[in-house]
């Protein structure tokens, strides 16, 4: 009978083969490690994976609530366990995925905070001028900021771009999204020009295919991008809460505000469900309400 840890190791190896982002792989590994430790009380033998029944899984889920975890964290951990059990079902280790019978806690719908276009452009313009942070990697950093805002891509998609994915002549970029799904997004002229200037300074290590590289000439990591975005945002706008995903929110909201079709935005963002994209409609309505409250004499 396979142990819980053996099953997790096998699943994570398969997950890595599918090519998820390093962030996803890291989170799933951490959540499943905590899941395994729950069933390893001191002085007792851990049950085999086949011995885990619905009652034990409900006990584990209740423990997450007892530790005061927020709903988003619980949903993520539950998703990891369900994916593990689904994998074991497909492999013939288990006869059914009992984790699917666990009730998913409802998440409170939270509207994303959206940078105004003026703030996003001010930040990018400041980097282009070398103000107020002068860095030797300015051309590279400006290029990835332009792509984040101009293409609305995730940070994992940004660092995953290879040289062959970019067609500046035609103005298109091939992006690998969640689940390794590919999509094509248009590259605006300003972003294309920034990338061209960066390519003149790019010195990659032998065999490196990544578009964005670090000082050692190898692929830039998502953590490095997050750190740099925070650095530039704090220096240029005084706002340390700006992160790479802020540009994605701004991209979608500004497109919608300028009349873009919601389904077109869904395709550009790579959302599997239209309902995920529709939250930007709520953001736009909230902004309209704020304008009305401020300007209308009867508000």
C-alpha atoms as a PDB file:
ATOM      1  CA  UNK A   1       0.000   0.000   0.000  1.00  0.00           C
ATOM      2  CA  UNK A   2       1.545   3.347  -1.043  1.00  0.00           C
ATOM      3  CA  UNK A   3       2.125   5.848   1.721  1.00  0.00           C
ATOM      4  CA  UNK A   4       0.758   9.386   1.642  1.00  0.00           C
ATOM      5  CA  UNK A   5       4.248  10.805   1.094  1.00  0.00           C
ATOM      6  CA  UNK A   6       5.047   8.355  -1.721  1.00  0.00           C
ATOM      7  CA  UNK A   7       1.802   9.311  -3.433  1.00  0.00           C
ATOM      8  CA  UNK A   8       2.543  13.014  -3.061  1.00  0.00           C
ATOM      9  CA  UNK A   9       6.072  12.601  -4.469  1.00  0.00           C
ATOM     10  CA  UNK A  10       4.714  10.746  -7.495  1.00  0.00           C
ATOM     11  CA  UNK A  11       2.054  13.385  -8.079  1.00  0.00           C
ATOM     12  CA  UNK A  12       4.463  16.326  -7.757  1.00  0.00           C
ATOM     13  CA  UNK A  13       6.819  14.676 -10.244  1.00  0.00           C
ATOM     14  CA  UNK A  14       3.950  14.390 -12.719  1.00  0.00           C
ATOM     15  CA  UNK A  15       2.866  17.963 -12.008  1.00  0.00           C
ATOM     16  CA  UNK A  16       6.400  19.230 -12.682  1.00  0.00           C
ATOM     17  CA  UNK A  17       6.409  17.334 -15.982  1.00  0.00           C
ATOM     18  CA  UNK A  18       3.282  19.232 -17.079  1.00  0.00           C
ATOM     19  CA  UNK A  19       5.202  22.497 -16.823  1.00  0.00           C
ATOM     20  CA  UNK A  20       3.337  24.686 -14.310  1.00  0.00           C
ATOM     21  CA  UNK A  21       4.846  27.898 -12.980  1.00  0.00           C
ATOM     22  CA  UNK A  22       7.438  27.610 -10.210  1.00  0.00           C
ATOM     23  CA  UNK A  23       4.994  29.487  -7.964  1.00  0.00           C
ATOM     24  CA  UNK A  24       2.246  26.877  -8.507  1.00  0.00           C
ATOM     25  CA  UNK A  25       4.619  23.968  -7.973  1.00  0.00           C
ATOM     26  CA  UNK A  26       5.976  25.549  -4.798  1.00  0.00           C
ATOM     27  CA  UNK A  27       2.488  26.142  -3.350  1.00  0.00           C
ATOM     28  CA  UNK A  28       1.227  22.647  -4.159  1.00  0.00           C
ATOM     29  CA  UNK A  29       4.359  21.118  -2.638  1.00  0.00           C
ATOM     30  CA  UNK A  30       3.974  23.160   0.553  1.00  0.00           C
ATOM     31  CA  UNK A  31       0.240  22.443   0.911  1.00  0.00           C
ATOM     32  CA  UNK A  32       0.652  18.703   0.345  1.00  0.00           C
ATOM     33  CA  UNK A  33       3.591  18.555   2.766  1.00  0.00           C
ATOM     34  CA  UNK A  34       1.310  20.023   5.455  1.00  0.00           C
ATOM     35  CA  UNK A  35      -1.390  17.525   4.467  1.00  0.00           C
ATOM     36  CA  UNK A  36       1.027  14.600   4.943  1.00  0.00           C
ATOM     37  CA  UNK A  37       2.270  15.919   8.299  1.00  0.00           C
ATOM     38  CA  UNK A  38      -1.284  16.123   9.639  1.00  0.00           C
ATOM     39  CA  UNK A  39      -1.568  12.340   9.355  1.00  0.00           C
ATOM     40  CA  UNK A  40       1.801  11.707  11.042  1.00  0.00           C
ATOM     41  CA  UNK A  41       1.144  12.269  14.761  1.00  0.00           C
ATOM     42  CA  UNK A  42       4.170  11.583  17.005  1.00  0.00           C
ATOM     43  CA  UNK A  43       4.494   7.938  18.031  1.00  0.00           C
ATOM     44  CA  UNK A  44       1.856   6.696  15.591  1.00  0.00           C
ATOM     45  CA  UNK A  45       2.070   5.045  12.197  1.00  0.00           C
ATOM     46  CA  UNK A  46       0.761   7.163   9.358  1.00  0.00           C
ATOM     47  CA  UNK A  47      -2.135   5.596   7.408  1.00  0.00           C
ATOM     48  CA  UNK A  48      -1.676   4.534   3.822  1.00  0.00           C
ATOM     49  CA  UNK A  49      -3.252   6.689   1.131  1.00  0.00           C
ATOM     50  CA  UNK A  50      -6.005   4.087   0.596  1.00  0.00           C
ATOM     51  CA  UNK A  51      -6.957   4.253   4.273  1.00  0.00           C
ATOM     52  CA  UNK A  52      -7.925   7.914   4.102  1.00  0.00           C
ATOM     53  CA  UNK A  53     -11.712   8.037   4.132  1.00  0.00           C
ATOM     54  CA  UNK A  54     -14.148  10.940   4.030  1.00  0.00           C
ATOM     55  CA  UNK A  55     -14.297  11.196   7.831  1.00  0.00           C
ATOM     56  CA  UNK A  56     -10.513  11.603   8.087  1.00  0.00           C
ATOM     57  CA  UNK A  57     -10.472  14.199   5.318  1.00  0.00           C
ATOM     58  CA  UNK A  58     -13.235  16.152   7.020  1.00  0.00           C
ATOM     59  CA  UNK A  59     -11.216  16.049  10.229  1.00  0.00           C
ATOM     60  CA  UNK A  60      -8.196  17.457   8.343  1.00  0.00           C
ATOM     61  CA  UNK A  61     -10.375  20.193   6.794  1.00  0.00           C
ATOM     62  CA  UNK A  62     -11.805  21.111  10.194  1.00  0.00           C
ATOM     63  CA  UNK A  63      -8.248  21.438  11.478  1.00  0.00           C
ATOM     64  CA  UNK A  64      -7.569  24.113   8.865  1.00  0.00           C
ATOM     65  CA  UNK A  65     -10.478  26.158  10.217  1.00  0.00           C
ATOM     66  CA  UNK A  66      -9.262  25.580  13.793  1.00  0.00           C
ATOM     67  CA  UNK A  67      -5.890  27.094  12.872  1.00  0.00           C
ATOM     68  CA  UNK A  68      -7.634  30.274  11.736  1.00  0.00           C
ATOM     69  CA  UNK A  69      -6.680  30.040   8.055  1.00  0.00           C
ATOM     70  CA  UNK A  70      -8.527  32.369   5.730  1.00  0.00           C
ATOM     71  CA  UNK A  71     -10.933  31.051   3.117  1.00  0.00           C
ATOM     72  CA  UNK A  72      -8.540  31.618   0.219  1.00  0.00           C
ATOM     73  CA  UNK A  73      -5.824  29.501   1.880  1.00  0.00           C
ATOM     74  CA  UNK A  74      -8.270  26.709   2.710  1.00  0.00           C
ATOM     75  CA  UNK A  75      -9.595  26.653  -0.855  1.00  0.00           C
ATOM     76  CA  UNK A  76      -6.063  26.439  -2.222  1.00  0.00           C
ATOM     77  CA  UNK A  77      -5.093  23.556   0.087  1.00  0.00           C
ATOM     78  CA  UNK A  78      -8.313  21.730  -0.717  1.00  0.00           C
ATOM     79  CA  UNK A  79      -7.659  22.144  -4.446  1.00  0.00           C
ATOM     80  CA  UNK A  80      -4.194  20.613  -4.024  1.00  0.00           C
ATOM     81  CA  UNK A  81      -5.576  17.579  -2.166  1.00  0.00           C
ATOM     82  CA  UNK A  82      -8.355  17.092  -4.712  1.00  0.00           C
ATOM     83  CA  UNK A  83      -5.824  17.214  -7.527  1.00  0.00           C
ATOM     84  CA  UNK A  84      -3.679  14.621  -5.729  1.00  0.00           C
ATOM     85  CA  UNK A  85      -6.639  12.252  -5.308  1.00  0.00           C
ATOM     86  CA  UNK A  86      -7.723  12.770  -8.916  1.00  0.00           C
ATOM     87  CA  UNK A  87      -4.224  11.856 -10.086  1.00  0.00           C
ATOM     88  CA  UNK A  88      -4.243   8.693  -7.931  1.00  0.00           C
ATOM     89  CA  UNK A  89      -7.664   7.789  -9.345  1.00  0.00           C
ATOM     90  CA  UNK A  90      -6.347   8.127 -12.903  1.00  0.00           C
ATOM     91  CA  UNK A  91      -3.302   6.028 -11.979  1.00  0.00           C
ATOM     92  CA  UNK A  92      -5.519   3.258 -10.629  1.00  0.00           C
ATOM     93  CA  UNK A  93      -4.241   3.623  -7.065  1.00  0.00           C
ATOM     94  CA  UNK A  94      -7.662   4.699  -5.772  1.00  0.00           C
ATOM     95  CA  UNK A  95     -11.131   3.615  -6.864  1.00  0.00           C
ATOM     96  CA  UNK A  96     -12.720   7.014  -6.315  1.00  0.00           C
ATOM     97  CA  UNK A  97     -11.822  10.606  -5.484  1.00  0.00           C
ATOM     98  CA  UNK A  98     -13.406  11.046  -2.069  1.00  0.00           C
ATOM     99  CA  UNK A  99     -11.858  14.504  -1.744  1.00  0.00           C
ATOM    100  CA  UNK A 100     -14.449  15.742  -4.263  1.00  0.00           C
ATOM    101  CA  UNK A 101     -17.115  15.220  -1.594  1.00  0.00           C
ATOM    102  CA  UNK A 102     -15.528  17.787   0.723  1.00  0.00           C
ATOM    103  CA  UNK A 103     -17.456  21.032   0.807  1.00  0.00           C
ATOM    104  CA  UNK A 104     -15.579  23.998  -0.633  1.00  0.00           C
ATOM    105  CA  UNK A 105     -15.840  27.140   1.516  1.00  0.00           C
ATOM    106  CA  UNK A 106     -17.293  30.062  -0.401  1.00  0.00           C
ATOM    107  CA  UNK A 107     -14.878  32.865  -1.091  1.00  0.00           C
ATOM    108  CA  UNK A 108     -15.990  36.423  -0.665  1.00  0.00           C
ATOM    109  CA  UNK A 109     -15.913  38.175  -4.022  1.00  0.00           C
ATOM    110  CA  UNK A 110     -13.227  40.837  -3.759  1.00  0.00           C
ATOM    111  CA  UNK A 111     -12.793  43.423  -6.461  1.00  0.00           C
ATOM    112  CA  UNK A 112      -9.190  44.027  -7.478  1.00  0.00           C
ATOM    113  CA  UNK A 113      -7.581  47.375  -6.761  1.00  0.00           C
ATOM    114  CA  UNK A 114      -6.880  48.967 -10.105  1.00  0.00           C
ATOM    115  CA  UNK A 115      -4.133  51.450 -10.923  1.00  0.00           C
ATOM    116  CA  UNK A 116      -5.367  54.472 -12.849  1.00  0.00           C
ATOM    117  CA  UNK A 117      -3.862  54.760 -16.333  1.00  0.00           C
ATOM    118  CA  UNK A 118      -2.064  57.928 -15.228  1.00  0.00           C
ATOM    119  CA  UNK A 119      -0.325  56.098 -12.384  1.00  0.00           C
ATOM    120  CA  UNK A 120       0.705  53.134 -14.551  1.00  0.00           C
ATOM    121  CA  UNK A 121       2.110  55.402 -17.248  1.00  0.00           C
ATOM    122  CA  UNK A 122       3.856  57.636 -14.693  1.00  0.00           C
ATOM    123  CA  UNK A 123       5.616  54.608 -13.217  1.00  0.00           C
ATOM    124  CA  UNK A 124       6.744  53.297 -16.608  1.00  0.00           C
ATOM    125  CA  UNK A 125       7.799  56.766 -17.819  1.00  0.00           C
ATOM    126  CA  UNK A 126       9.891  57.227 -14.665  1.00  0.00           C
ATOM    127  CA  UNK A 127      11.735  53.969 -15.359  1.00  0.00           C
ATOM    128  CA  UNK A 128      12.312  55.034 -18.964  1.00  0.00           C
ATOM    129  CA  UNK A 129      13.893  58.291 -17.782  1.00  0.00           C
ATOM    130  CA  UNK A 130      16.000  56.485 -15.197  1.00  0.00           C
ATOM    131  CA  UNK A 131      14.210  58.317 -12.400  1.00  0.00           C
ATOM    132  CA  UNK A 132      14.230  57.990  -9.483  1.00  0.00           C
ATOM    133  CA  UNK A 133      16.058  54.620  -9.608  1.00  0.00           C
ATOM    134  CA  UNK A 134      18.987  54.294 -11.984  1.00  0.00           C
ATOM    135  CA  UNK A 135      19.839  50.646 -12.653  1.00  0.00           C
ATOM    136  CA  UNK A 136      22.099  48.968 -15.206  1.00  0.00           C
ATOM    137  CA  UNK A 137      19.169  46.733 -16.192  1.00  0.00           C
ATOM    138  CA  UNK A 138      16.902  49.676 -17.068  1.00  0.00           C
ATOM    139  CA  UNK A 139      16.290  48.588 -20.692  1.00  0.00           C
ATOM    140  CA  UNK A 140      15.280  45.096 -19.579  1.00  0.00           C
ATOM    141  CA  UNK A 141      13.090  46.351 -16.742  1.00  0.00           C
ATOM    142  CA  UNK A 142      11.362  48.895 -18.950  1.00  0.00           C
ATOM    143  CA  UNK A 143      10.682  46.164 -21.529  1.00  0.00           C
ATOM    144  CA  UNK A 144       9.036  43.797 -19.068  1.00  0.00           C
ATOM    145  CA  UNK A 145       6.986  46.622 -17.500  1.00  0.00           C
ATOM    146  CA  UNK A 146       5.723  47.589 -20.953  1.00  0.00           C
ATOM    147  CA  UNK A 147       4.748  43.965 -21.640  1.00  0.00           C
ATOM    148  CA  UNK A 148       3.031  43.568 -18.276  1.00  0.00           C
ATOM    149  CA  UNK A 149       0.856  46.620 -18.906  1.00  0.00           C
ATOM    150  CA  UNK A 150       0.648  46.444 -22.698  1.00  0.00           C
ATOM    151  CA  UNK A 151      -0.215  42.732 -22.914  1.00  0.00           C
ATOM    152  CA  UNK A 152      -1.876  42.031 -19.553  1.00  0.00           C
ATOM    153  CA  UNK A 153       0.158  38.890 -18.948  1.00  0.00           C
ATOM    154  CA  UNK A 154       0.811  37.139 -15.632  1.00  0.00           C
ATOM    155  CA  UNK A 155       4.288  37.316 -14.094  1.00  0.00           C
ATOM    156  CA  UNK A 156       4.714  33.549 -14.620  1.00  0.00           C
ATOM    157  CA  UNK A 157       3.861  34.053 -18.292  1.00  0.00           C
ATOM    158  CA  UNK A 158       6.313  36.941 -18.539  1.00  0.00           C
ATOM    159  CA  UNK A 159       9.320  35.043 -17.196  1.00  0.00           C
ATOM    160  CA  UNK A 160       8.326  32.020 -19.290  1.00  0.00           C
ATOM    161  CA  UNK A 161       8.658  33.899 -22.602  1.00  0.00           C
ATOM    162  CA  UNK A 162      11.311  32.436 -24.905  1.00  0.00           C
ATOM    163  CA  UNK A 163      12.939  34.263 -27.780  1.00  0.00           C
ATOM    164  CA  UNK A 164      11.003  32.181 -30.308  1.00  0.00           C
ATOM    165  CA  UNK A 165       7.690  33.279 -28.751  1.00  0.00           C
ATOM    166  CA  UNK A 166       8.130  36.892 -29.792  1.00  0.00           C
ATOM    167  CA  UNK A 167       7.352  38.182 -33.295  1.00  0.00           C
ATOM    168  CA  UNK A 168       8.002  41.908 -33.177  1.00  0.00           C
ATOM    169  CA  UNK A 169       7.634  42.259 -36.946  1.00  0.00           C
ATOM    170  CA  UNK A 170       4.020  41.062 -36.846  1.00  0.00           C
ATOM    171  CA  UNK A 171       3.415  42.417 -33.340  1.00  0.00           C
ATOM    172  CA  UNK A 172       2.380  39.167 -31.639  1.00  0.00           C
ATOM    173  CA  UNK A 173       3.502  37.286 -28.560  1.00  0.00           C
ATOM    174  CA  UNK A 174       2.902  33.607 -27.784  1.00  0.00           C
ATOM    175  CA  UNK A 175       2.106  33.140 -24.099  1.00  0.00           C
ATOM    176  CA  UNK A 176       1.945  29.959 -22.026  1.00  0.00           C
ATOM    177  CA  UNK A 177      -0.762  30.370 -19.427  1.00  0.00           C
ATOM    178  CA  UNK A 178      -2.156  28.222 -16.641  1.00  0.00           C
ATOM    179  CA  UNK A 179      -2.150  24.518 -17.439  1.00  0.00           C
ATOM    180  CA  UNK A 180       0.471  25.239 -20.128  1.00  0.00           C
ATOM    181  CA  UNK A 181      -2.301  26.532 -22.416  1.00  0.00           C
ATOM    182  CA  UNK A 182      -0.971  28.751 -25.189  1.00  0.00           C
ATOM    183  CA  UNK A 183      -2.532  31.907 -26.559  1.00  0.00           C
ATOM    184  CA  UNK A 184      -1.468  34.763 -28.843  1.00  0.00           C
ATOM    185  CA  UNK A 185      -1.640  38.363 -27.628  1.00  0.00           C
ATOM    186  CA  UNK A 186      -0.915  41.550 -29.594  1.00  0.00           C
ATOM    187  CA  UNK A 187       2.137  43.589 -28.604  1.00  0.00           C
ATOM    188  CA  UNK A 188       1.539  47.368 -28.685  1.00  0.00           C
ATOM    189  CA  UNK A 189       4.079  49.548 -30.500  1.00  0.00           C
ATOM    190  CA  UNK A 190       5.448  51.114 -27.334  1.00  0.00           C
ATOM    191  CA  UNK A 191       6.137  47.700 -25.786  1.00  0.00           C
ATOM    192  CA  UNK A 192       7.651  46.396 -29.029  1.00  0.00           C
ATOM    193  CA  UNK A 193      10.014  49.385 -29.202  1.00  0.00           C
ATOM    194  CA  UNK A 194      11.087  48.850 -25.574  1.00  0.00           C
ATOM    195  CA  UNK A 195      11.780  45.156 -26.247  1.00  0.00           C
ATOM    196  CA  UNK A 196      13.840  46.011 -29.334  1.00  0.00           C
ATOM    197  CA  UNK A 197      16.000  48.406 -27.303  1.00  0.00           C
ATOM    198  CA  UNK A 198      16.421  45.757 -24.615  1.00  0.00           C
ATOM    199  CA  UNK A 199      17.477  43.103 -27.137  1.00  0.00           C
ATOM    200  CA  UNK A 200      20.419  45.301 -28.134  1.00  0.00           C
ATOM    201  CA  UNK A 201      21.734  44.976 -24.560  1.00  0.00           C
ATOM    202  CA  UNK A 202      20.752  41.315 -23.887  1.00  0.00           C
ATOM    203  CA  UNK A 203      23.770  39.079 -23.216  1.00  0.00           C
ATOM    204  CA  UNK A 204      22.535  35.565 -22.504  1.00  0.00           C
ATOM    205  CA  UNK A 205      24.465  32.564 -21.284  1.00  0.00           C
ATOM    206  CA  UNK A 206      25.192  29.864 -23.833  1.00  0.00           C
ATOM    207  CA  UNK A 207      22.025  28.002 -24.778  1.00  0.00           C
ATOM    208  CA  UNK A 208      19.682  30.283 -22.781  1.00  0.00           C
ATOM    209  CA  UNK A 209      16.384  30.757 -24.653  1.00  0.00           C
ATOM    210  CA  UNK A 210      14.604  33.065 -22.195  1.00  0.00           C
ATOM    211  CA  UNK A 211      13.716  36.563 -23.385  1.00  0.00           C
ATOM    212  CA  UNK A 212      14.302  38.115 -19.972  1.00  0.00           C
ATOM    213  CA  UNK A 213      17.546  37.183 -18.243  1.00  0.00           C
ATOM    214  CA  UNK A 214      19.325  38.222 -15.061  1.00  0.00           C
ATOM    215  CA  UNK A 215      22.883  39.440 -14.518  1.00  0.00           C
ATOM    216  CA  UNK A 216      24.190  35.860 -14.870  1.00  0.00           C
ATOM    217  CA  UNK A 217      22.621  35.555 -18.305  1.00  0.00           C
ATOM    218  CA  UNK A 218      19.980  33.006 -17.290  1.00  0.00           C
ATOM    219  CA  UNK A 219      16.189  33.221 -17.040  1.00  0.00           C
ATOM    220  CA  UNK A 220      14.833  35.952 -14.789  1.00  0.00           C
ATOM    221  CA  UNK A 221      12.705  34.569 -11.932  1.00  0.00           C
ATOM    222  CA  UNK A 222       9.214  35.680 -10.959  1.00  0.00           C
ATOM    223  CA  UNK A 223      10.532  36.685  -7.526  1.00  0.00           C
ATOM    224  CA  UNK A 224      13.071  39.023  -9.128  1.00  0.00           C
ATOM    225  CA  UNK A 225      10.330  40.646 -11.213  1.00  0.00           C
ATOM    226  CA  UNK A 226       8.121  41.138  -8.147  1.00  0.00           C
ATOM    227  CA  UNK A 227      11.003  42.688  -6.224  1.00  0.00           C
ATOM    228  CA  UNK A 228      11.852  45.071  -9.067  1.00  0.00           C
ATOM    229  CA  UNK A 229       8.237  46.140  -9.614  1.00  0.00           C
ATOM    230  CA  UNK A 230       7.897  46.937  -5.923  1.00  0.00           C
ATOM    231  CA  UNK A 231      11.194  48.858  -5.973  1.00  0.00           C
ATOM    232  CA  UNK A 232      10.195  51.007  -8.952  1.00  0.00           C
ATOM    233  CA  UNK A 233       6.636  51.574  -7.724  1.00  0.00           C
ATOM    234  CA  UNK A 234       7.775  52.685  -4.296  1.00  0.00           C
ATOM    235  CA  UNK A 235      10.385  55.035  -5.748  1.00  0.00           C
ATOM    236  CA  UNK A 236       8.177  56.495  -8.500  1.00  0.00           C
ATOM    237  CA  UNK A 237       4.759  56.616  -6.826  1.00  0.00           C
ATOM    238  CA  UNK A 238       5.365  55.984  -3.135  1.00  0.00           C
ATOM    239  CA  UNK A 239       3.065  52.953  -3.332  1.00  0.00           C
ATOM    240  CA  UNK A 240       4.631  49.685  -2.149  1.00  0.00           C
ATOM    241  CA  UNK A 241       1.434  47.684  -2.815  1.00  0.00           C
ATOM    242  CA  UNK A 242       1.919  47.667  -6.604  1.00  0.00           C
ATOM    243  CA  UNK A 243       2.876  44.221  -7.897  1.00  0.00           C
ATOM    244  CA  UNK A 244       3.097  42.617 -11.366  1.00  0.00           C
ATOM    245  CA  UNK A 245      -0.561  41.542 -11.290  1.00  0.00           C
ATOM    246  CA  UNK A 246      -1.541  45.191 -10.751  1.00  0.00           C
ATOM    247  CA  UNK A 247      -0.686  45.820 -14.402  1.00  0.00           C
ATOM    248  CA  UNK A 248      -2.898  42.911 -15.502  1.00  0.00           C
ATOM    249  CA  UNK A 249      -5.843  44.336 -13.549  1.00  0.00           C
ATOM    250  CA  UNK A 250      -5.186  47.770 -15.046  1.00  0.00           C
ATOM    251  CA  UNK A 251      -4.909  46.338 -18.572  1.00  0.00           C
ATOM    252  CA  UNK A 252      -8.294  44.598 -18.361  1.00  0.00           C
ATOM    253  CA  UNK A 253     -10.112  47.462 -16.652  1.00  0.00           C
ATOM    254  CA  UNK A 254      -8.786  50.128 -18.996  1.00  0.00           C
ATOM    255  CA  UNK A 255      -9.670  48.039 -22.073  1.00  0.00           C
ATOM    256  CA  UNK A 256     -13.201  47.584 -20.767  1.00  0.00           C
ATOM    257  CA  UNK A 257     -13.558  51.271 -19.939  1.00  0.00           C
ATOM    258  CA  UNK A 258     -12.530  52.154 -23.505  1.00  0.00           C
ATOM    259  CA  UNK A 259     -15.237  49.919 -24.982  1.00  0.00           C
ATOM    260  CA  UNK A 260     -13.502  46.574 -25.568  1.00  0.00           C
ATOM    261  CA  UNK A 261     -15.745  43.508 -25.760  1.00  0.00           C
ATOM    262  CA  UNK A 262     -15.781  41.385 -22.600  1.00  0.00           C
ATOM    263  CA  UNK A 263     -15.250  38.126 -24.512  1.00  0.00           C
ATOM    264  CA  UNK A 264     -12.291  39.630 -26.353  1.00  0.00           C
ATOM    265  CA  UNK A 265     -10.772  40.601 -23.004  1.00  0.00           C
ATOM    266  CA  UNK A 266     -11.388  37.036 -21.794  1.00  0.00           C
ATOM    267  CA  UNK A 267      -9.366  35.694 -24.727  1.00  0.00           C
ATOM    268  CA  UNK A 268      -6.574  38.213 -24.208  1.00  0.00           C
ATOM    269  CA  UNK A 269      -6.294  37.377 -20.501  1.00  0.00           C
ATOM    270  CA  UNK A 270      -6.530  33.625 -21.060  1.00  0.00           C
ATOM    271  CA  UNK A 271      -9.424  33.152 -18.645  1.00  0.00           C
ATOM    272  CA  UNK A 272     -11.117  29.755 -18.914  1.00  0.00           C
ATOM    273  CA  UNK A 273     -14.453  31.165 -17.723  1.00  0.00           C
ATOM    274  CA  UNK A 274     -16.154  34.423 -18.627  1.00  0.00           C
ATOM    275  CA  UNK A 275     -17.255  34.824 -14.999  1.00  0.00           C
ATOM    276  CA  UNK A 276     -13.608  35.393 -14.043  1.00  0.00           C
ATOM    277  CA  UNK A 277     -13.387  38.287 -16.495  1.00  0.00           C
ATOM    278  CA  UNK A 278     -16.714  39.766 -15.426  1.00  0.00           C
ATOM    279  CA  UNK A 279     -15.251  41.037 -12.150  1.00  0.00           C
ATOM    280  CA  UNK A 280     -13.741  43.873 -14.191  1.00  0.00           C
ATOM    281  CA  UNK A 281     -17.283  44.923 -15.124  1.00  0.00           C
ATOM    282  CA  UNK A 282     -17.961  45.351 -11.413  1.00  0.00           C
ATOM    283  CA  UNK A 283     -14.798  47.457 -11.074  1.00  0.00           C
ATOM    284  CA  UNK A 284     -15.941  49.723 -13.899  1.00  0.00           C
ATOM    285  CA  UNK A 285     -19.393  50.096 -12.341  1.00  0.00           C
ATOM    286  CA  UNK A 286     -17.795  50.970  -9.012  1.00  0.00           C
ATOM    287  CA  UNK A 287     -15.700  53.650 -10.721  1.00  0.00           C
ATOM    288  CA  UNK A 288     -18.779  55.051 -12.478  1.00  0.00           C
ATOM    289  CA  UNK A 289     -20.618  55.200  -9.163  1.00  0.00           C
ATOM    290  CA  UNK A 290     -17.709  57.120  -7.613  1.00  0.00           C
ATOM    291  CA  UNK A 291     -17.771  59.629 -10.484  1.00  0.00           C
ATOM    292  CA  UNK A 292     -21.532  60.025 -10.114  1.00  0.00           C
ATOM    293  CA  UNK A 293     -21.342  60.523  -6.340  1.00  0.00           C
ATOM    294  CA  UNK A 294     -18.666  63.171  -6.803  1.00  0.00           C
ATOM    295  CA  UNK A 295     -20.163  65.095  -9.715  1.00  0.00           C
ATOM    296  CA  UNK A 296     -23.960  64.820  -9.655  1.00  0.00           C
ATOM    297  CA  UNK A 297     -25.717  67.549  -7.649  1.00  0.00           C
ATOM    298  CA  UNK A 298     -28.415  65.102  -6.440  1.00  0.00           C
ATOM    299  CA  UNK A 299     -25.977  62.369  -5.420  1.00  0.00           C
END
